Amino acid sequence: MSVHANARKVTTHTLQEMKRAGEKITMLTAYDFSLAKLVDRGGIDVILVGDSASNVMAGRDTTVPMSLEHMIYHAQCVERAVDRALIVVDMPFGTYQGNSAIALESAIRIMKESGGHAVKLEGGAEIVESIQRILTAGIPVMGHLGLTPQSIYKFGTYTVRAKEDEEAAKLIADAKLLEEAGCFAIVLEKIPAHLAKQVSDALSIPTIGIGAGQDCDGQVLVLHDMLGITTDFSPRFLRRYLDLESQITGAVEQYCEDVRGGDFPNEEESY
């Protein structure tokens, strides 16, 4: 039994309290019922139903192809499994940029059809109108600055962002803008650690880092990367806690050997 099994439900307010108390926030992705159940049982604070499902679940090169229906489906699967964690759902590319009315409609569909608790949008000043519109419906919004994977065709690379003074200044301004707009937290992806500390210290809302150093208020990783299920992606910020690729492959090889050799099923495993 997890020590967190009887802990109270995590809310957006919980995260604000954790920042004030100096308690680090834990966040991982999940996309299906079985793994979400284990992640929640392990005591995670926030589960991100990420559009990274495009990469690890669907085998796509980018997150751009994910549709609203895809995200709702994955969020539904996760919601059925979770008792404690706050569930944040990525709004996919094309469902909020440039049209705040469509953004609101998309966010409402996610909340109504999936049972998620909040949505996450990538970008700063360019999308603040959409964020404000979504918040008018009482839907909590998490921001995302730095490397924004939905904009990969604009950046052309997944390299570290905001190393130059001009981009760093815009990121700080965007972070303050998102806080003023009403975001309850902001993901900071692949930016210099000193800049992430500066942003975290300047905001009263929590920052969640991925490749942004240890001074963010919390950390997030993609579950399949952290568990070593996917091994073709090895950024500097990733720590692998298991090597499931070799363990699962080995288990399948052993199963094949047992079936072909007549060892499985044995008498005890037969009716």
C-alpha atoms as a PDB file:
ATOM      1  CA  MET A   1       0.000   0.000   0.000  1.00  0.00           C
ATOM      2  CA  SER A   2       1.426   3.360  -1.022  1.00  0.00           C
ATOM      3  CA  VAL A   3       1.977   5.969   1.672  1.00  0.00           C
ATOM      4  CA  HIS A   4      -0.040   8.262  -0.566  1.00  0.00           C
ATOM      5  CA  ALA A   5      -3.001   5.900  -0.916  1.00  0.00           C
ATOM      6  CA  ASN A   6      -5.119   7.788   1.606  1.00  0.00           C
ATOM      7  CA  ALA A   7      -3.688  11.227   0.862  1.00  0.00           C
ATOM      8  CA  ARG A   8      -6.099  13.961  -0.155  1.00  0.00           C
ATOM      9  CA  LYS A   9      -6.854  14.732  -3.758  1.00  0.00           C
ATOM     10  CA  VAL A  10      -4.356  17.085  -5.408  1.00  0.00           C
ATOM     11  CA  THR A  11      -5.892  20.303  -6.777  1.00  0.00           C
ATOM     12  CA  THR A  12      -4.516  23.439  -8.418  1.00  0.00           C
ATOM     13  CA  HIS A  13      -4.744  25.039  -4.967  1.00  0.00           C
ATOM     14  CA  THR A  14      -2.617  22.212  -3.521  1.00  0.00           C
ATOM     15  CA  LEU A  15       0.174  23.080  -5.959  1.00  0.00           C
ATOM     16  CA  GLN A  16       0.100  26.751  -4.952  1.00  0.00           C
ATOM     17  CA  GLU A  17       0.344  25.696  -1.292  1.00  0.00           C
ATOM     18  CA  MET A  18       3.256  23.384  -2.102  1.00  0.00           C
ATOM     19  CA  LYS A  19       5.168  26.241  -3.745  1.00  0.00           C
ATOM     20  CA  ARG A  20       4.593  28.498  -0.733  1.00  0.00           C
ATOM     21  CA  ALA A  21       5.764  25.723   1.597  1.00  0.00           C
ATOM     22  CA  GLY A  22       8.825  24.970  -0.533  1.00  0.00           C
ATOM     23  CA  GLU A  23       7.614  21.426  -1.296  1.00  0.00           C
ATOM     24  CA  LYS A  24       8.667  20.074  -4.696  1.00  0.00           C
ATOM     25  CA  ILE A  25       5.902  19.051  -7.121  1.00  0.00           C
ATOM     26  CA  THR A  26       6.146  15.730  -8.981  1.00  0.00           C
ATOM     27  CA  MET A  27       4.667  15.255 -12.449  1.00  0.00           C
ATOM     28  CA  LEU A  28       4.782  12.451 -15.032  1.00  0.00           C
ATOM     29  CA  THR A  29       2.932  11.726 -18.248  1.00  0.00           C
ATOM     30  CA  ALA A  30       0.443   8.872 -18.690  1.00  0.00           C
ATOM     31  CA  TYR A  31      -1.776   7.913 -21.599  1.00  0.00           C
ATOM     32  CA  ASP A  32      -3.565   4.673 -20.636  1.00  0.00           C
ATOM     33  CA  PHE A  33      -5.490   3.130 -17.743  1.00  0.00           C
ATOM     34  CA  SER A  34      -2.980   0.512 -16.585  1.00  0.00           C
ATOM     35  CA  LEU A  35       0.091   2.727 -16.319  1.00  0.00           C
ATOM     36  CA  ALA A  36      -1.877   5.723 -15.012  1.00  0.00           C
ATOM     37  CA  LYS A  37      -3.101   3.529 -12.150  1.00  0.00           C
ATOM     38  CA  LEU A  38       0.477   2.639 -11.203  1.00  0.00           C
ATOM     39  CA  VAL A  39       1.709   6.225 -11.525  1.00  0.00           C
ATOM     40  CA  ASP A  40      -1.108   7.473  -9.289  1.00  0.00           C
ATOM     41  CA  ARG A  41      -0.470   4.691  -6.778  1.00  0.00           C
ATOM     42  CA  GLY A  42       3.201   5.695  -6.679  1.00  0.00           C
ATOM     43  CA  GLY A  43       2.222   9.070  -5.220  1.00  0.00           C
ATOM     44  CA  ILE A  44       2.660  11.436  -8.170  1.00  0.00           C
ATOM     45  CA  ASP A  45       1.128  14.897  -7.706  1.00  0.00           C
ATOM     46  CA  VAL A  46       0.253  15.683 -11.331  1.00  0.00           C
ATOM     47  CA  ILE A  47      -0.373  13.407 -14.303  1.00  0.00           C
ATOM     48  CA  LEU A  48       0.035  15.059 -17.692  1.00  0.00           C
ATOM     49  CA  VAL A  49      -1.945  13.441 -20.479  1.00  0.00           C
ATOM     50  CA  GLY A  50       0.593  14.736 -22.939  1.00  0.00           C
ATOM     51  CA  ASP A  51       0.426  15.139 -26.682  1.00  0.00           C
ATOM     52  CA  SER A  52       3.748  13.268 -26.438  1.00  0.00           C
ATOM     53  CA  ALA A  53       1.381  10.298 -26.893  1.00  0.00           C
ATOM     54  CA  SER A  54       1.962  11.126 -30.563  1.00  0.00           C
ATOM     55  CA  ASN A  55       5.583   9.991 -30.123  1.00  0.00           C
ATOM     56  CA  VAL A  56       5.479   7.170 -27.564  1.00  0.00           C
ATOM     57  CA  MET A  57       2.031   5.687 -28.283  1.00  0.00           C
ATOM     58  CA  ALA A  58       1.571   6.371 -32.001  1.00  0.00           C
ATOM     59  CA  GLY A  59       5.183   6.373 -33.248  1.00  0.00           C
ATOM     60  CA  ARG A  60       5.035   9.830 -34.838  1.00  0.00           C
ATOM     61  CA  ASP A  61       8.083  12.073 -35.170  1.00  0.00           C
ATOM     62  CA  THR A  62       6.325  15.166 -33.754  1.00  0.00           C
ATOM     63  CA  THR A  63       3.326  16.044 -31.574  1.00  0.00           C
ATOM     64  CA  VAL A  64       1.681  18.040 -34.373  1.00  0.00           C
ATOM     65  CA  PRO A  65      -0.586  15.232 -35.740  1.00  0.00           C
ATOM     66  CA  MET A  66      -2.464  14.720 -32.442  1.00  0.00           C
ATOM     67  CA  SER A  67      -6.172  15.558 -32.707  1.00  0.00           C
ATOM     68  CA  LEU A  68      -8.627  16.684 -30.052  1.00  0.00           C
ATOM     69  CA  GLU A  69     -10.324  13.279 -30.275  1.00  0.00           C
ATOM     70  CA  HIS A  70      -6.979  11.524 -29.644  1.00  0.00           C
ATOM     71  CA  MET A  71      -6.341  13.623 -26.545  1.00  0.00           C
ATOM     72  CA  ILE A  72      -9.856  13.106 -25.188  1.00  0.00           C
ATOM     73  CA  TYR A  73      -9.518   9.335 -25.665  1.00  0.00           C
ATOM     74  CA  HIS A  74      -6.207   9.151 -23.780  1.00  0.00           C
ATOM     75  CA  ALA A  75      -7.517  11.444 -21.029  1.00  0.00           C
ATOM     76  CA  GLN A  76     -10.609   9.262 -20.599  1.00  0.00           C
ATOM     77  CA  CYS A  77      -8.387   6.200 -20.122  1.00  0.00           C
ATOM     78  CA  VAL A  78      -6.260   8.001 -17.523  1.00  0.00           C
ATOM     79  CA  GLU A  79      -9.190   9.528 -15.641  1.00  0.00           C
ATOM     80  CA  ARG A  80     -10.707   6.085 -14.987  1.00  0.00           C
ATOM     81  CA  ALA A  81      -7.503   5.019 -13.218  1.00  0.00           C
ATOM     82  CA  VAL A  82      -6.697   8.010 -11.031  1.00  0.00           C
ATOM     83  CA  ASP A  83      -7.757   8.603  -7.426  1.00  0.00           C
ATOM     84  CA  ARG A  84      -5.308  11.230  -6.162  1.00  0.00           C
ATOM     85  CA  ALA A  85      -3.314  13.047  -8.853  1.00  0.00           C
ATOM     86  CA  LEU A  86      -4.336  16.248 -10.637  1.00  0.00           C
ATOM     87  CA  ILE A  87      -4.943  15.365 -14.321  1.00  0.00           C
ATOM     88  CA  VAL A  88      -3.747  17.973 -16.833  1.00  0.00           C
ATOM     89  CA  VAL A  89      -4.564  17.435 -20.515  1.00  0.00           C
ATOM     90  CA  ASP A  90      -2.541  18.914 -23.370  1.00  0.00           C
ATOM     91  CA  MET A  91      -4.555  20.885 -25.886  1.00  0.00           C
ATOM     92  CA  PRO A  92      -3.239  19.659 -29.246  1.00  0.00           C
ATOM     93  CA  PHE A  93      -1.849  21.769 -32.058  1.00  0.00           C
ATOM     94  CA  GLY A  94      -4.525  23.682 -33.938  1.00  0.00           C
ATOM     95  CA  THR A  95      -7.152  23.719 -31.189  1.00  0.00           C
ATOM     96  CA  TYR A  96      -6.292  27.063 -29.583  1.00  0.00           C
ATOM     97  CA  GLN A  97      -3.850  29.096 -31.675  1.00  0.00           C
ATOM     98  CA  GLY A  98      -5.285  32.197 -33.348  1.00  0.00           C
ATOM     99  CA  ASN A  99      -8.935  31.760 -32.385  1.00  0.00           C
ATOM    100  CA  SER A 100     -10.014  32.098 -28.761  1.00  0.00           C
ATOM    101  CA  ALA A 101     -13.564  30.923 -29.487  1.00  0.00           C
ATOM    102  CA  ILE A 102     -12.267  27.618 -30.893  1.00  0.00           C
ATOM    103  CA  ALA A 103      -9.873  27.408 -27.926  1.00  0.00           C
ATOM    104  CA  LEU A 104     -12.753  27.681 -25.466  1.00  0.00           C
ATOM    105  CA  GLU A 105     -14.829  25.153 -27.385  1.00  0.00           C
ATOM    106  CA  SER A 106     -11.884  22.706 -27.460  1.00  0.00           C
ATOM    107  CA  ALA A 107     -11.158  23.107 -23.741  1.00  0.00           C
ATOM    108  CA  ILE A 108     -14.815  22.581 -22.843  1.00  0.00           C
ATOM    109  CA  ARG A 109     -14.884  19.362 -24.889  1.00  0.00           C
ATOM    110  CA  ILE A 110     -11.768  18.077 -23.088  1.00  0.00           C
ATOM    111  CA  MET A 111     -13.235  18.797 -19.662  1.00  0.00           C
ATOM    112  CA  LYS A 112     -16.742  17.473 -20.392  1.00  0.00           C
ATOM    113  CA  GLU A 113     -15.770  14.358 -22.335  1.00  0.00           C
ATOM    114  CA  SER A 114     -12.589  13.268 -20.530  1.00  0.00           C
ATOM    115  CA  GLY A 115     -13.117  14.207 -16.889  1.00  0.00           C
ATOM    116  CA  GLY A 116      -9.679  15.846 -16.761  1.00  0.00           C
ATOM    117  CA  HIS A 117      -9.035  18.609 -14.248  1.00  0.00           C
ATOM    118  CA  ALA A 118      -7.112  21.211 -16.297  1.00  0.00           C
ATOM    119  CA  VAL A 119      -5.672  21.915 -19.744  1.00  0.00           C
ATOM    120  CA  LYS A 120      -2.161  22.895 -20.867  1.00  0.00           C
ATOM    121  CA  LEU A 121      -1.330  25.277 -23.724  1.00  0.00           C
ATOM    122  CA  GLU A 122       2.042  26.084 -25.296  1.00  0.00           C
ATOM    123  CA  GLY A 123       3.126  29.684 -25.819  1.00  0.00           C
ATOM    124  CA  GLY A 124       3.130  33.158 -24.326  1.00  0.00           C
ATOM    125  CA  ALA A 125       1.740  36.499 -25.508  1.00  0.00           C
ATOM    126  CA  GLU A 126       0.602  34.940 -28.800  1.00  0.00           C
ATOM    127  CA  ILE A 127      -1.997  32.754 -27.074  1.00  0.00           C
ATOM    128  CA  VAL A 128      -2.887  34.799 -23.968  1.00  0.00           C
ATOM    129  CA  GLU A 129      -6.287  35.716 -25.435  1.00  0.00           C
ATOM    130  CA  SER A 130      -7.147  32.011 -25.747  1.00  0.00           C
ATOM    131  CA  ILE A 131      -6.019  31.403 -22.157  1.00  0.00           C
ATOM    132  CA  GLN A 132      -8.188  34.235 -20.860  1.00  0.00           C
ATOM    133  CA  ARG A 133     -11.186  32.954 -22.837  1.00  0.00           C
ATOM    134  CA  ILE A 134     -10.766  29.419 -21.457  1.00  0.00           C
ATOM    135  CA  LEU A 135     -10.466  30.755 -17.913  1.00  0.00           C
ATOM    136  CA  THR A 136     -13.821  32.564 -18.284  1.00  0.00           C
ATOM    137  CA  ALA A 137     -15.435  29.112 -18.281  1.00  0.00           C
ATOM    138  CA  GLY A 138     -13.727  28.229 -14.985  1.00  0.00           C
ATOM    139  CA  ILE A 139     -11.298  25.799 -16.634  1.00  0.00           C
ATOM    140  CA  PRO A 140      -7.825  25.813 -15.006  1.00  0.00           C
ATOM    141  CA  VAL A 141      -4.935  26.446 -17.409  1.00  0.00           C
ATOM    142  CA  MET A 142      -1.290  25.388 -17.143  1.00  0.00           C
ATOM    143  CA  GLY A 143       1.147  27.315 -19.347  1.00  0.00           C
ATOM    144  CA  HIS A 144       4.199  25.989 -21.214  1.00  0.00           C
ATOM    145  CA  LEU A 145       7.212  28.109 -22.204  1.00  0.00           C
ATOM    146  CA  GLY A 146      10.723  27.533 -23.518  1.00  0.00           C
ATOM    147  CA  LEU A 147      10.918  24.656 -25.967  1.00  0.00           C
ATOM    148  CA  THR A 148       7.346  24.246 -27.198  1.00  0.00           C
ATOM    149  CA  PRO A 149       7.296  20.999 -29.230  1.00  0.00           C
ATOM    150  CA  GLN A 150       4.165  21.929 -31.200  1.00  0.00           C
ATOM    151  CA  SER A 151       6.267  24.717 -32.750  1.00  0.00           C
ATOM    152  CA  ILE A 152       9.024  22.366 -33.932  1.00  0.00           C
ATOM    153  CA  TYR A 153       8.641  23.445 -37.563  1.00  0.00           C
ATOM    154  CA  LYS A 154       9.196  27.064 -36.508  1.00  0.00           C
ATOM    155  CA  PHE A 155      12.249  26.261 -34.359  1.00  0.00           C
ATOM    156  CA  GLY A 156      13.591  23.559 -36.686  1.00  0.00           C
ATOM    157  CA  THR A 157      15.311  21.819 -33.768  1.00  0.00           C
ATOM    158  CA  TYR A 158      14.690  20.556 -30.243  1.00  0.00           C
ATOM    159  CA  THR A 159      17.712  22.424 -28.888  1.00  0.00           C
ATOM    160  CA  VAL A 160      17.814  24.482 -25.670  1.00  0.00           C
ATOM    161  CA  ARG A 161      15.758  27.686 -25.898  1.00  0.00           C
ATOM    162  CA  ALA A 162      16.270  31.213 -24.493  1.00  0.00           C
ATOM    163  CA  LYS A 163      20.059  31.154 -24.405  1.00  0.00           C
ATOM    164  CA  GLU A 164      20.159  34.603 -26.029  1.00  0.00           C
ATOM    165  CA  ASP A 165      19.254  37.704 -24.012  1.00  0.00           C
ATOM    166  CA  GLU A 166      16.353  38.741 -26.257  1.00  0.00           C
ATOM    167  CA  GLU A 167      14.602  35.369 -26.095  1.00  0.00           C
ATOM    168  CA  ALA A 168      15.275  35.119 -22.354  1.00  0.00           C
ATOM    169  CA  ALA A 169      13.703  38.538 -21.772  1.00  0.00           C
ATOM    170  CA  LYS A 170      10.633  37.508 -23.788  1.00  0.00           C
ATOM    171  CA  LEU A 171      10.336  34.275 -21.784  1.00  0.00           C
ATOM    172  CA  ILE A 172      10.381  36.187 -18.478  1.00  0.00           C
ATOM    173  CA  ALA A 173       7.799  38.657 -19.809  1.00  0.00           C
ATOM    174  CA  ASP A 174       5.632  35.791 -21.115  1.00  0.00           C
ATOM    175  CA  ALA A 175       5.813  33.973 -17.772  1.00  0.00           C
ATOM    176  CA  LYS A 176       4.602  37.078 -15.926  1.00  0.00           C
ATOM    177  CA  LEU A 177       1.887  37.558 -18.545  1.00  0.00           C
ATOM    178  CA  LEU A 178       0.652  33.972 -18.095  1.00  0.00           C
ATOM    179  CA  GLU A 179       0.557  34.431 -14.321  1.00  0.00           C
ATOM    180  CA  GLU A 180      -1.402  37.680 -14.690  1.00  0.00           C
ATOM    181  CA  ALA A 181      -3.790  36.008 -17.133  1.00  0.00           C
ATOM    182  CA  GLY A 182      -4.598  33.414 -14.470  1.00  0.00           C
ATOM    183  CA  CYS A 183      -2.534  30.290 -15.224  1.00  0.00           C
ATOM    184  CA  PHE A 184      -2.105  28.128 -12.098  1.00  0.00           C
ATOM    185  CA  ALA A 185       1.358  26.810 -13.110  1.00  0.00           C
ATOM    186  CA  ILE A 186       3.844  26.929 -15.997  1.00  0.00           C
ATOM    187  CA  VAL A 187       6.001  24.189 -17.534  1.00  0.00           C
ATOM    188  CA  LEU A 188       9.503  25.421 -18.436  1.00  0.00           C
ATOM    189  CA  GLU A 189      11.096  23.146 -21.032  1.00  0.00           C
ATOM    190  CA  LYS A 190      14.777  23.023 -22.009  1.00  0.00           C
ATOM    191  CA  ILE A 191      15.937  26.450 -20.899  1.00  0.00           C
ATOM    192  CA  PRO A 192      19.124  27.394 -18.986  1.00  0.00           C
ATOM    193  CA  ALA A 193      18.896  26.554 -15.276  1.00  0.00           C
ATOM    194  CA  HIS A 194      19.763  30.115 -14.179  1.00  0.00           C
ATOM    195  CA  LEU A 195      16.895  31.490 -16.271  1.00  0.00           C
ATOM    196  CA  ALA A 196      14.452  28.914 -14.855  1.00  0.00           C
ATOM    197  CA  LYS A 197      15.494  29.961 -11.335  1.00  0.00           C
ATOM    198  CA  GLN A 198      14.970  33.619 -12.211  1.00  0.00           C
ATOM    199  CA  VAL A 199      11.466  32.879 -13.558  1.00  0.00           C
ATOM    200  CA  SER A 200      10.554  30.618 -10.613  1.00  0.00           C
ATOM    201  CA  ASP A 201      11.639  33.267  -8.102  1.00  0.00           C
ATOM    202  CA  ALA A 202       9.692  35.990  -9.931  1.00  0.00           C
ATOM    203  CA  LEU A 203       6.378  34.123  -9.972  1.00  0.00           C
ATOM    204  CA  SER A 204       3.915  33.263  -7.216  1.00  0.00           C
ATOM    205  CA  ILE A 205       2.583  30.311  -9.263  1.00  0.00           C
ATOM    206  CA  PRO A 206       4.594  27.047  -9.506  1.00  0.00           C
ATOM    207  CA  THR A 207       7.007  26.248 -12.313  1.00  0.00           C
ATOM    208  CA  ILE A 208       7.468  22.665 -13.495  1.00  0.00           C
ATOM    209  CA  GLY A 209      10.774  22.002 -15.188  1.00  0.00           C
ATOM    210  CA  ILE A 210      11.892  19.549 -17.848  1.00  0.00           C
ATOM    211  CA  GLY A 211      15.519  20.142 -18.714  1.00  0.00           C
ATOM    212  CA  ALA A 212      15.374  23.415 -16.756  1.00  0.00           C
ATOM    213  CA  GLY A 213      17.496  22.660 -13.695  1.00  0.00           C
ATOM    214  CA  GLN A 214      16.684  21.978 -10.058  1.00  0.00           C
ATOM    215  CA  ASP A 215      15.360  25.381  -9.018  1.00  0.00           C
ATOM    216  CA  CYS A 216      11.909  24.942 -10.581  1.00  0.00           C
ATOM    217  CA  ASP A 217       9.086  24.224  -8.139  1.00  0.00           C
ATOM    218  CA  GLY A 218       8.587  20.763  -9.648  1.00  0.00           C
ATOM    219  CA  GLN A 219       9.777  18.377 -12.336  1.00  0.00           C
ATOM    220  CA  VAL A 220       8.137  16.434 -15.180  1.00  0.00           C
ATOM    221  CA  LEU A 221       9.347  13.603 -17.406  1.00  0.00           C
ATOM    222  CA  VAL A 222       7.732  11.472 -20.088  1.00  0.00           C
ATOM    223  CA  LEU A 223       6.870   8.163 -18.401  1.00  0.00           C
ATOM    224  CA  HIS A 224       8.072   5.928 -21.235  1.00  0.00           C
ATOM    225  CA  ASP A 225      11.453   7.695 -21.264  1.00  0.00           C
ATOM    226  CA  MET A 226      11.839   7.527 -17.482  1.00  0.00           C
ATOM    227  CA  LEU A 227      10.961   3.813 -17.375  1.00  0.00           C
ATOM    228  CA  GLY A 228      13.377   2.965 -20.186  1.00  0.00           C
ATOM    229  CA  ILE A 229      10.655   1.704 -22.521  1.00  0.00           C
ATOM    230  CA  THR A 230      11.851   4.139 -25.192  1.00  0.00           C
ATOM    231  CA  THR A 231      15.629   4.212 -25.518  1.00  0.00           C
ATOM    232  CA  ASP A 232      16.204   6.097 -28.778  1.00  0.00           C
ATOM    233  CA  PHE A 233      15.738   9.401 -26.932  1.00  0.00           C
ATOM    234  CA  SER A 234      18.529  10.292 -24.503  1.00  0.00           C
ATOM    235  CA  PRO A 235      18.607  14.009 -23.701  1.00  0.00           C
ATOM    236  CA  ARG A 236      20.885  15.271 -20.980  1.00  0.00           C
ATOM    237  CA  PHE A 237      17.963  15.977 -18.618  1.00  0.00           C
ATOM    238  CA  LEU A 238      16.575  12.418 -18.704  1.00  0.00           C
ATOM    239  CA  ARG A 239      17.209  10.019 -15.823  1.00  0.00           C
ATOM    240  CA  ARG A 240      16.124   6.432 -16.530  1.00  0.00           C
ATOM    241  CA  TYR A 241      14.795   4.719 -13.412  1.00  0.00           C
ATOM    242  CA  LEU A 242      14.306   1.329 -15.100  1.00  0.00           C
ATOM    243  CA  ASP A 243      15.466  -0.495 -18.220  1.00  0.00           C
ATOM    244  CA  LEU A 244      12.102  -1.902 -19.286  1.00  0.00           C
ATOM    245  CA  GLU A 245      13.106  -2.203 -22.934  1.00  0.00           C
ATOM    246  CA  SER A 246      15.537  -5.050 -22.219  1.00  0.00           C
ATOM    247  CA  GLN A 247      13.382  -6.547 -19.435  1.00  0.00           C
ATOM    248  CA  ILE A 248      10.225  -6.676 -21.565  1.00  0.00           C
ATOM    249  CA  THR A 249      12.106  -7.940 -24.625  1.00  0.00           C
ATOM    250  CA  GLY A 250      13.725 -10.627 -22.462  1.00  0.00           C
ATOM    251  CA  ALA A 251      10.376 -11.689 -21.012  1.00  0.00           C
ATOM    252  CA  VAL A 252       8.858 -12.003 -24.510  1.00  0.00           C
ATOM    253  CA  GLU A 253      11.867 -14.021 -25.714  1.00  0.00           C
ATOM    254  CA  GLN A 254      11.529 -16.357 -22.717  1.00  0.00           C
ATOM    255  CA  TYR A 255       7.782 -16.779 -23.359  1.00  0.00           C
ATOM    256  CA  CYS A 256       8.430 -17.654 -27.012  1.00  0.00           C
ATOM    257  CA  GLU A 257      11.085 -20.169 -25.965  1.00  0.00           C
ATOM    258  CA  ASP A 258       8.767 -21.768 -23.359  1.00  0.00           C
ATOM    259  CA  VAL A 259       5.840 -22.103 -25.784  1.00  0.00           C
ATOM    260  CA  ARG A 260       7.964 -23.469 -28.637  1.00  0.00           C
ATOM    261  CA  GLY A 261       9.742 -25.894 -26.314  1.00  0.00           C
ATOM    262  CA  GLY A 262       6.524 -27.210 -24.794  1.00  0.00           C
ATOM    263  CA  ASP A 263       7.318 -25.873 -21.308  1.00  0.00           C
ATOM    264  CA  PHE A 264       4.333 -23.493 -21.239  1.00  0.00           C
ATOM    265  CA  PRO A 265       1.702 -24.257 -20.201  1.00  0.00           C
ATOM    266  CA  ASN A 266       2.691 -27.014 -17.791  1.00  0.00           C
ATOM    267  CA  GLU A 267       0.329 -29.312 -15.887  1.00  0.00           C
ATOM    268  CA  GLU A 268      -0.227 -26.821 -13.059  1.00  0.00           C
ATOM    269  CA  GLU A 269      -1.144 -24.144 -15.609  1.00  0.00           C
ATOM    270  CA  SER A 270      -3.698 -26.367 -17.333  1.00  0.00           C
ATOM    271  CA  TYR A 271      -7.298 -27.160 -16.349  1.00  0.00           C
END
